[in-house]
Amino acid sequence: MTTPKRVIPIAQAKTVSPEDALLRDGWKRQTTIGEPRLSEIVKNYKAMGFEVHVEEYKTEGEGCNTCFDAGQEMGFSYGTVYVRKSADPVADDELFED
């Protein structure tokens, strides 16, 4: 009589990018942009009641990154803006009060 072999399950290593983790948590990528527009966009999304998360943008991989590369060489930094609906209700805007 043969003894059944025991197989120990081994979980596969998962390489999850930061963006994949954000998307899985309900974030939506909106744009990649530099200052001063970056701060304006963040402020506006927050005013509309969204949670906002900004990741530093680094050029890598394929595709045309000429503008970003040139900007980074001149000292500019860029951020990728992610938003999701806030769990907190939006405060009333006095502009729209009766």
C-alpha atoms as a PDB file:
ATOM      1  CA  MET A   1       0.000   0.000   0.000  1.00  0.00           C
ATOM      2  CA  THR A   2       1.414   3.388  -0.995  1.00  0.00           C
ATOM      3  CA  THR A   3       1.204   6.421   1.210  1.00  0.00           C
ATOM      4  CA  PRO A   4      -0.348   9.430  -0.529  1.00  0.00           C
ATOM      5  CA  LYS A   5       2.128  12.236  -1.091  1.00  0.00           C
ATOM      6  CA  ARG A   6       1.612  15.399   0.856  1.00  0.00           C
ATOM      7  CA  VAL A   7       1.976  18.526  -1.182  1.00  0.00           C
ATOM      8  CA  ILE A   8       2.679  21.741   0.646  1.00  0.00           C
ATOM      9  CA  PRO A   9       1.114  24.681  -1.207  1.00  0.00           C
ATOM     10  CA  ILE A  10       3.612  27.374  -2.016  1.00  0.00           C
ATOM     11  CA  ALA A  11       2.209  30.797  -2.730  1.00  0.00           C
ATOM     12  CA  GLN A  12       3.594  32.441  -5.807  1.00  0.00           C
ATOM     13  CA  ALA A  13       5.485  35.659  -5.235  1.00  0.00           C
ATOM     14  CA  LYS A  14       3.307  38.536  -6.285  1.00  0.00           C
ATOM     15  CA  THR A  15       4.826  41.625  -7.730  1.00  0.00           C
ATOM     16  CA  VAL A  16       2.216  44.320  -7.388  1.00  0.00           C
ATOM     17  CA  SER A  17       3.004  47.759  -8.691  1.00  0.00           C
ATOM     18  CA  PRO A  18       2.036  50.738  -6.537  1.00  0.00           C
ATOM     19  CA  GLU A  19      -0.509  51.717  -9.190  1.00  0.00           C
ATOM     20  CA  ASP A  20      -2.086  48.248  -9.176  1.00  0.00           C
ATOM     21  CA  ALA A  21      -2.461  48.465  -5.406  1.00  0.00           C
ATOM     22  CA  LEU A  22      -4.090  51.897  -5.656  1.00  0.00           C
ATOM     23  CA  LEU A  23      -6.481  50.794  -8.398  1.00  0.00           C
ATOM     24  CA  ARG A  24      -7.455  47.730  -6.380  1.00  0.00           C
ATOM     25  CA  ASP A  25      -8.255  50.029  -3.434  1.00  0.00           C
ATOM     26  CA  GLY A  26     -10.707  52.039  -5.521  1.00  0.00           C
ATOM     27  CA  TRP A  27      -8.450  54.856  -6.725  1.00  0.00           C
ATOM     28  CA  LYS A  28      -8.741  56.112 -10.314  1.00  0.00           C
ATOM     29  CA  ARG A  29      -5.784  57.621 -12.152  1.00  0.00           C
ATOM     30  CA  GLN A  30      -6.694  61.061 -13.466  1.00  0.00           C
ATOM     31  CA  THR A  31      -3.574  62.727 -14.860  1.00  0.00           C
ATOM     32  CA  THR A  32       0.164  63.227 -14.645  1.00  0.00           C
ATOM     33  CA  ILE A  33       1.143  66.878 -14.481  1.00  0.00           C
ATOM     34  CA  GLY A  34       3.609  69.319 -12.943  1.00  0.00           C
ATOM     35  CA  GLU A  35       3.277  72.472 -10.897  1.00  0.00           C
ATOM     36  CA  PRO A  36       1.525  74.841 -10.680  1.00  0.00           C
ATOM     37  CA  ARG A  37      -1.369  72.892 -12.220  1.00  0.00           C
ATOM     38  CA  LEU A  38      -0.766  69.888  -9.987  1.00  0.00           C
ATOM     39  CA  SER A  39      -1.667  71.853  -6.844  1.00  0.00           C
ATOM     40  CA  GLU A  40      -4.699  73.382  -8.567  1.00  0.00           C
ATOM     41  CA  ILE A  41      -6.013  69.982  -9.630  1.00  0.00           C
ATOM     42  CA  VAL A  42      -5.542  68.543  -6.139  1.00  0.00           C
ATOM     43  CA  LYS A  43      -7.326  71.515  -4.562  1.00  0.00           C
ATOM     44  CA  ASN A  44     -10.231  71.286  -7.022  1.00  0.00           C
ATOM     45  CA  TYR A  45     -10.774  67.545  -6.565  1.00  0.00           C
ATOM     46  CA  LYS A  46     -10.725  67.985  -2.783  1.00  0.00           C
ATOM     47  CA  ALA A  47     -13.251  70.819  -3.096  1.00  0.00           C
ATOM     48  CA  MET A  48     -15.516  68.453  -5.050  1.00  0.00           C
ATOM     49  CA  GLY A  49     -15.385  65.959  -2.175  1.00  0.00           C
ATOM     50  CA  PHE A  50     -12.821  63.491  -3.502  1.00  0.00           C
ATOM     51  CA  GLU A  51      -9.956  61.898  -1.655  1.00  0.00           C
ATOM     52  CA  VAL A  52      -6.758  62.701  -3.543  1.00  0.00           C
ATOM     53  CA  HIS A  53      -3.482  60.788  -3.665  1.00  0.00           C
ATOM     54  CA  VAL A  54      -0.422  61.957  -5.612  1.00  0.00           C
ATOM     55  CA  GLU A  55       2.455  59.672  -6.601  1.00  0.00           C
ATOM     56  CA  GLU A  56       5.749  61.085  -7.842  1.00  0.00           C
ATOM     57  CA  TYR A  57       6.102  60.388 -11.556  1.00  0.00           C
ATOM     58  CA  LYS A  58       9.324  58.766 -12.704  1.00  0.00           C
ATOM     59  CA  THR A  59       9.961  58.152 -16.387  1.00  0.00           C
ATOM     60  CA  GLU A  60      10.665  54.534 -17.140  1.00  0.00           C
ATOM     61  CA  GLY A  61       9.751  51.906 -19.650  1.00  0.00           C
ATOM     62  CA  GLU A  62       8.650  52.288 -23.213  1.00  0.00           C
ATOM     63  CA  GLY A  63       6.807  55.167 -24.735  1.00  0.00           C
ATOM     64  CA  CYS A  64       7.635  58.775 -25.356  1.00  0.00           C
ATOM     65  CA  ASN A  65       8.786  60.521 -22.200  1.00  0.00           C
ATOM     66  CA  THR A  66      10.778  63.279 -23.908  1.00  0.00           C
ATOM     67  CA  CYS A  67       8.828  66.126 -22.301  1.00  0.00           C
ATOM     68  CA  PHE A  68       8.969  64.592 -18.824  1.00  0.00           C
ATOM     69  CA  ASP A  69      12.674  63.751 -19.175  1.00  0.00           C
ATOM     70  CA  ALA A  70      13.501  67.288 -20.301  1.00  0.00           C
ATOM     71  CA  GLY A  71      11.468  68.776 -17.468  1.00  0.00           C
ATOM     72  CA  GLN A  72      13.113  66.572 -14.857  1.00  0.00           C
ATOM     73  CA  GLU A  73      16.549  67.541 -16.186  1.00  0.00           C
ATOM     74  CA  MET A  74      15.570  71.187 -15.586  1.00  0.00           C
ATOM     75  CA  GLY A  75      14.464  70.411 -12.021  1.00  0.00           C
ATOM     76  CA  PHE A  76      10.731  70.076 -12.526  1.00  0.00           C
ATOM     77  CA  SER A  77       8.867  67.323 -10.744  1.00  0.00           C
ATOM     78  CA  TYR A  78       5.659  65.688 -11.874  1.00  0.00           C
ATOM     79  CA  GLY A  79       2.926  63.896  -9.993  1.00  0.00           C
ATOM     80  CA  THR A  80       0.300  61.372 -11.006  1.00  0.00           C
ATOM     81  CA  VAL A  81      -3.056  62.247  -9.464  1.00  0.00           C
ATOM     82  CA  TYR A  82      -5.377  59.498  -8.222  1.00  0.00           C
ATOM     83  CA  VAL A  83      -8.860  60.199  -6.860  1.00  0.00           C
ATOM     84  CA  ARG A  84     -11.681  58.274  -5.256  1.00  0.00           C
ATOM     85  CA  LYS A  85     -14.982  59.270  -3.745  1.00  0.00           C
ATOM     86  CA  SER A  86     -14.640  60.303  -0.153  1.00  0.00           C
ATOM     87  CA  ALA A  87     -16.432  58.430   2.592  1.00  0.00           C
ATOM     88  CA  ASP A  88     -17.081  61.776   4.274  1.00  0.00           C
ATOM     89  CA  PRO A  89     -19.944  63.902   2.956  1.00  0.00           C
ATOM     90  CA  VAL A  90     -19.002  67.089   1.137  1.00  0.00           C
ATOM     91  CA  ALA A  91     -19.367  70.210   3.260  1.00  0.00           C
ATOM     92  CA  ASP A  92     -22.005  72.640   2.023  1.00  0.00           C
ATOM     93  CA  ASP A  93     -20.673  75.349  -0.237  1.00  0.00           C
ATOM     94  CA  GLU A  94     -21.871  78.806   0.801  1.00  0.00           C
ATOM     95  CA  LEU A  95     -21.954  79.790  -2.863  1.00  0.00           C
ATOM     96  CA  PHE A  96     -24.935  77.478  -3.398  1.00  0.00           C
ATOM     97  CA  GLU A  97     -26.893  78.142  -0.215  1.00  0.00           C
ATOM     98  CA  ASP A  98     -30.498  79.364  -0.492  1.00  0.00           C
END
